[in-house]
Amino acid sequence: MSETVEDLSVSYFENGVETVKELDKIVLTKGAWATLIFRYQEWDAKNDKYGADKYTIRRYQKKNGEYKQRSKFNISSADQAEKIISALQSWL
């Protein structure tokens, strides 16, 4: 696991292939509990290319000097992301 928030990533390699490619991340909160939002793409082996952008919000807890993932919320589509943005903007 990671010792700093900056080292946290959703990138994932399997058999030498980056099956989850992190495109960007934003740290929403730091501390004993950290919250990050990631933009990523998944490898589509059938079509031999990366798919559409996806988004995930992850919560990590720092314990014994290392961050461990405790929860996640995957935003399933661009449409769902737009609805989340709209809801938050209407409340703020």
N, C-alpha and C. Protein backbone atom coordinates (compact mmCIF):
# COMPACT_ATOMS: atom_id res chain seq x y z
N MET A 1 0.84 -1.19 0.00
CA MET A 1 0.00 0.00 0.00
C MET A 1 0.88 1.24 0.00
N SER A 2 0.25 2.39 -0.04
CA SER A 2 0.95 3.66 -0.16
C SER A 2 1.11 4.35 1.19
N GLU A 3 2.23 5.05 1.32
CA GLU A 3 2.49 5.80 2.54
C GLU A 3 2.00 7.24 2.45
N THR A 4 1.86 7.77 1.21
CA THR A 4 1.39 9.15 1.04
C THR A 4 0.18 9.16 0.12
N VAL A 5 -0.63 10.20 0.26
CA VAL A 5 -1.82 10.36 -0.58
C VAL A 5 -1.42 10.45 -2.05
N GLU A 6 -0.31 11.14 -2.31
CA GLU A 6 0.14 11.32 -3.69
C GLU A 6 0.50 10.00 -4.37
N ASP A 7 0.84 8.98 -3.60
CA ASP A 7 1.20 7.67 -4.17
C ASP A 7 0.00 6.78 -4.47
N LEU A 8 -1.19 7.15 -3.98
CA LEU A 8 -2.38 6.34 -4.22
C LEU A 8 -2.75 6.38 -5.70
N SER A 9 -3.17 5.23 -6.23
CA SER A 9 -3.48 5.12 -7.65
C SER A 9 -4.49 4.00 -7.88
N VAL A 10 -5.21 4.11 -9.00
CA VAL A 10 -6.09 3.03 -9.41
C VAL A 10 -5.49 2.23 -10.55
N SER A 11 -4.31 2.63 -11.02
CA SER A 11 -3.64 1.88 -12.10
C SER A 11 -3.47 0.43 -11.68
N TYR A 12 -3.66 -0.47 -12.65
CA TYR A 12 -3.57 -1.90 -12.34
C TYR A 12 -2.97 -2.62 -13.55
N PHE A 13 -2.01 -3.46 -13.28
CA PHE A 13 -1.35 -4.24 -14.33
C PHE A 13 -1.65 -5.72 -14.12
N GLU A 14 -1.92 -6.41 -15.22
CA GLU A 14 -2.18 -7.85 -15.18
C GLU A 14 -1.47 -8.48 -16.37
N ASN A 15 -0.57 -9.40 -16.09
CA ASN A 15 0.21 -10.07 -17.13
C ASN A 15 0.92 -9.07 -18.04
N GLY A 16 1.47 -8.02 -17.44
CA GLY A 16 2.22 -7.03 -18.19
C GLY A 16 1.39 -6.02 -18.95
N VAL A 17 0.06 -6.09 -18.82
CA VAL A 17 -0.84 -5.16 -19.51
C VAL A 17 -1.48 -4.25 -18.48
N GLU A 18 -1.47 -2.94 -18.76
CA GLU A 18 -2.14 -1.99 -17.87
C GLU A 18 -3.64 -2.07 -18.13
N THR A 19 -4.33 -2.87 -17.33
CA THR A 19 -5.75 -3.10 -17.54
C THR A 19 -6.61 -1.95 -17.01
N VAL A 20 -6.08 -1.20 -16.06
CA VAL A 20 -6.73 0.02 -15.58
C VAL A 20 -5.69 1.12 -15.67
N LYS A 21 -5.97 2.11 -16.53
CA LYS A 21 -5.03 3.21 -16.76
C LYS A 21 -5.58 4.47 -16.11
N GLU A 22 -4.87 4.96 -15.09
CA GLU A 22 -5.26 6.19 -14.43
C GLU A 22 -4.93 7.38 -15.33
N LEU A 23 -5.93 8.23 -15.57
CA LEU A 23 -5.74 9.41 -16.40
C LEU A 23 -5.52 10.67 -15.56
N ASP A 24 -6.16 10.72 -14.40
CA ASP A 24 -6.03 11.90 -13.54
C ASP A 24 -6.58 11.54 -12.16
N LYS A 25 -6.20 12.34 -11.18
CA LYS A 25 -6.77 12.19 -9.84
C LYS A 25 -6.78 13.54 -9.17
N ILE A 26 -7.75 13.71 -8.30
CA ILE A 26 -7.85 14.92 -7.48
C ILE A 26 -8.02 14.47 -6.04
N VAL A 27 -7.19 15.04 -5.17
CA VAL A 27 -7.28 14.74 -3.74
C VAL A 27 -8.33 15.68 -3.16
N LEU A 28 -9.40 15.11 -2.63
CA LEU A 28 -10.48 15.90 -2.05
C LEU A 28 -10.21 16.21 -0.58
N THR A 29 -9.68 15.22 0.15
CA THR A 29 -9.30 15.42 1.56
C THR A 29 -8.05 14.62 1.86
N LYS A 30 -7.27 15.11 2.82
CA LYS A 30 -6.07 14.42 3.30
C LYS A 30 -6.19 14.23 4.80
N GLY A 31 -5.35 13.38 5.33
CA GLY A 31 -5.33 13.16 6.77
C GLY A 31 -5.42 11.68 7.06
N ALA A 32 -5.92 11.36 8.27
CA ALA A 32 -6.06 9.95 8.65
C ALA A 32 -7.03 9.25 7.70
N TRP A 33 -8.00 10.00 7.18
CA TRP A 33 -8.90 9.52 6.15
C TRP A 33 -8.70 10.42 4.93
N ALA A 34 -8.46 9.82 3.79
CA ALA A 34 -8.26 10.57 2.55
C ALA A 34 -9.36 10.18 1.56
N THR A 35 -9.81 11.18 0.80
CA THR A 35 -10.81 10.95 -0.23
C THR A 35 -10.26 11.46 -1.55
N LEU A 36 -10.28 10.60 -2.58
CA LEU A 36 -9.77 10.97 -3.89
C LEU A 36 -10.79 10.60 -4.96
N ILE A 37 -10.78 11.37 -6.03
CA ILE A 37 -11.59 11.03 -7.19
C ILE A 37 -10.61 10.79 -8.35
N PHE A 38 -10.83 9.68 -9.05
CA PHE A 38 -9.95 9.27 -10.14
C PHE A 38 -10.72 9.24 -11.46
N ARG A 39 -10.03 9.61 -12.52
CA ARG A 39 -10.51 9.41 -13.90
C ARG A 39 -9.63 8.34 -14.50
N TYR A 40 -10.24 7.31 -15.10
CA TYR A 40 -9.47 6.17 -15.59
C TYR A 40 -10.14 5.55 -16.80
N GLN A 41 -9.41 4.64 -17.44
CA GLN A 41 -9.95 3.83 -18.54
C GLN A 41 -9.57 2.38 -18.28
N GLU A 42 -10.42 1.48 -18.74
CA GLU A 42 -10.16 0.05 -18.63
C GLU A 42 -9.79 -0.50 -20.01
N TRP A 43 -8.85 -1.43 -20.02
CA TRP A 43 -8.41 -2.07 -21.25
C TRP A 43 -9.48 -3.05 -21.73
N ASP A 44 -9.84 -2.94 -22.99
CA ASP A 44 -10.79 -3.85 -23.63
C ASP A 44 -9.99 -4.77 -24.53
N ALA A 45 -9.67 -5.95 -24.04
CA ALA A 45 -8.82 -6.89 -24.78
C ALA A 45 -9.48 -7.34 -26.08
N LYS A 46 -10.79 -7.46 -26.08
CA LYS A 46 -11.51 -7.91 -27.27
C LYS A 46 -11.32 -6.93 -28.43
N ASN A 47 -11.34 -5.62 -28.12
CA ASN A 47 -11.19 -4.60 -29.15
C ASN A 47 -9.78 -4.03 -29.22
N ASP A 48 -8.90 -4.52 -28.34
CA ASP A 48 -7.50 -4.12 -28.31
C ASP A 48 -7.33 -2.60 -28.17
N LYS A 49 -8.12 -2.01 -27.24
CA LYS A 49 -8.01 -0.58 -26.97
C LYS A 49 -8.66 -0.27 -25.63
N TYR A 50 -8.39 0.96 -25.15
CA TYR A 50 -9.01 1.39 -23.90
C TYR A 50 -10.42 1.88 -24.16
N GLY A 51 -11.28 1.67 -23.18
CA GLY A 51 -12.68 2.09 -23.29
C GLY A 51 -12.86 3.55 -22.92
N ALA A 52 -14.10 3.93 -22.75
CA ALA A 52 -14.46 5.31 -22.41
C ALA A 52 -13.96 5.66 -21.01
N ASP A 53 -13.82 6.94 -20.77
CA ASP A 53 -13.41 7.41 -19.44
C ASP A 53 -14.44 6.97 -18.40
N LYS A 54 -13.92 6.60 -17.24
CA LYS A 54 -14.76 6.25 -16.09
C LYS A 54 -14.24 7.03 -14.89
N TYR A 55 -15.04 7.05 -13.82
CA TYR A 55 -14.70 7.84 -12.64
C TYR A 55 -15.00 7.02 -11.40
N THR A 56 -14.18 7.21 -10.37
CA THR A 56 -14.40 6.51 -9.12
C THR A 56 -13.97 7.40 -7.96
N ILE A 57 -14.73 7.36 -6.88
CA ILE A 57 -14.38 8.07 -5.66
C ILE A 57 -13.96 7.01 -4.66
N ARG A 58 -12.79 7.21 -4.07
CA ARG A 58 -12.25 6.21 -3.13
C ARG A 58 -11.90 6.87 -1.80
N ARG A 59 -12.18 6.12 -0.72
CA ARG A 59 -11.81 6.55 0.64
C ARG A 59 -10.74 5.62 1.16
N TYR A 60 -9.71 6.22 1.75
CA TYR A 60 -8.59 5.47 2.30
C TYR A 60 -8.39 5.86 3.75
N GLN A 61 -7.98 4.88 4.55
CA GLN A 61 -7.65 5.14 5.96
C GLN A 61 -6.17 4.87 6.15
N LYS A 62 -5.50 5.80 6.83
CA LYS A 62 -4.08 5.60 7.12
C LYS A 62 -3.96 4.93 8.47
N LYS A 63 -3.32 3.77 8.45
CA LYS A 63 -3.15 2.99 9.66
C LYS A 63 -1.76 2.37 9.60
N ASN A 64 -1.03 2.49 10.68
CA ASN A 64 0.34 1.98 10.75
C ASN A 64 1.20 2.52 9.61
N GLY A 65 0.98 3.80 9.27
CA GLY A 65 1.80 4.46 8.27
C GLY A 65 1.46 4.17 6.83
N GLU A 66 0.40 3.41 6.57
CA GLU A 66 0.02 3.07 5.20
C GLU A 66 -1.47 3.32 4.97
N TYR A 67 -1.78 3.81 3.76
CA TYR A 67 -3.17 4.00 3.38
C TYR A 67 -3.75 2.69 2.85
N LYS A 68 -4.95 2.37 3.32
CA LYS A 68 -5.67 1.19 2.83
C LYS A 68 -7.05 1.63 2.39
N GLN A 69 -7.46 1.12 1.24
CA GLN A 69 -8.78 1.47 0.72
C GLN A 69 -9.86 0.89 1.63
N ARG A 70 -10.82 1.74 1.96
CA ARG A 70 -11.92 1.32 2.83
C ARG A 70 -13.26 1.31 2.11
N SER A 71 -13.43 2.18 1.11
CA SER A 71 -14.68 2.19 0.36
C SER A 71 -14.46 2.83 -1.00
N LYS A 72 -15.41 2.57 -1.90
CA LYS A 72 -15.34 3.18 -3.22
C LYS A 72 -16.74 3.32 -3.79
N PHE A 73 -16.86 4.30 -4.69
CA PHE A 73 -18.10 4.49 -5.42
C PHE A 73 -17.72 4.70 -6.87
N ASN A 74 -18.15 3.82 -7.74
CA ASN A 74 -17.88 3.93 -9.16
C ASN A 74 -19.02 4.66 -9.84
N ILE A 75 -18.68 5.70 -10.57
CA ILE A 75 -19.67 6.44 -11.35
C ILE A 75 -19.81 5.69 -12.67
N SER A 76 -20.99 5.19 -12.93
CA SER A 76 -21.19 4.20 -13.99
C SER A 76 -21.22 4.75 -15.40
N SER A 77 -21.43 6.07 -15.55
CA SER A 77 -21.51 6.62 -16.90
C SER A 77 -21.31 8.13 -16.85
N ALA A 78 -21.07 8.73 -18.01
CA ALA A 78 -20.96 10.18 -18.10
C ALA A 78 -22.29 10.82 -17.71
N ASP A 79 -23.40 10.18 -18.06
CA ASP A 79 -24.72 10.69 -17.71
C ASP A 79 -24.89 10.76 -16.19
N GLN A 80 -24.47 9.70 -15.49
CA GLN A 80 -24.56 9.70 -14.04
C GLN A 80 -23.66 10.78 -13.44
N ALA A 81 -22.47 10.98 -14.00
CA ALA A 81 -21.55 12.02 -13.53
C ALA A 81 -22.20 13.40 -13.68
N GLU A 82 -22.86 13.64 -14.81
CA GLU A 82 -23.53 14.92 -15.04
C GLU A 82 -24.65 15.14 -14.03
N LYS A 83 -25.38 14.09 -13.70
CA LYS A 83 -26.47 14.20 -12.72
C LYS A 83 -25.91 14.50 -11.33
N ILE A 84 -24.79 13.91 -10.97
CA ILE A 84 -24.16 14.18 -9.68
C ILE A 84 -23.71 15.64 -9.63
N ILE A 85 -23.07 16.11 -10.71
CA ILE A 85 -22.63 17.50 -10.79
C ILE A 85 -23.82 18.44 -10.64
N SER A 86 -24.89 18.16 -11.36
CA SER A 86 -26.09 19.00 -11.32
C SER A 86 -26.69 19.05 -9.91
N ALA A 87 -26.77 17.91 -9.26
CA ALA A 87 -27.33 17.86 -7.91
C ALA A 87 -26.48 18.67 -6.94
N LEU A 88 -25.17 18.50 -7.01
CA LEU A 88 -24.29 19.25 -6.11
C LEU A 88 -24.35 20.74 -6.37
N GLN A 89 -24.39 21.13 -7.65
CA GLN A 89 -24.47 22.56 -7.98
C GLN A 89 -25.77 23.17 -7.49
N SER A 90 -26.85 22.41 -7.51
CA SER A 90 -28.13 22.95 -7.06
C SER A 90 -28.14 23.14 -5.53
N TRP A 91 -27.32 22.38 -4.81
CA TRP A 91 -27.28 22.47 -3.36
C TRP A 91 -26.28 23.52 -2.87
N LEU A 92 -25.33 23.87 -3.71
CA LEU A 92 -24.27 24.79 -3.25
C LEU A 92 -24.54 26.21 -3.66
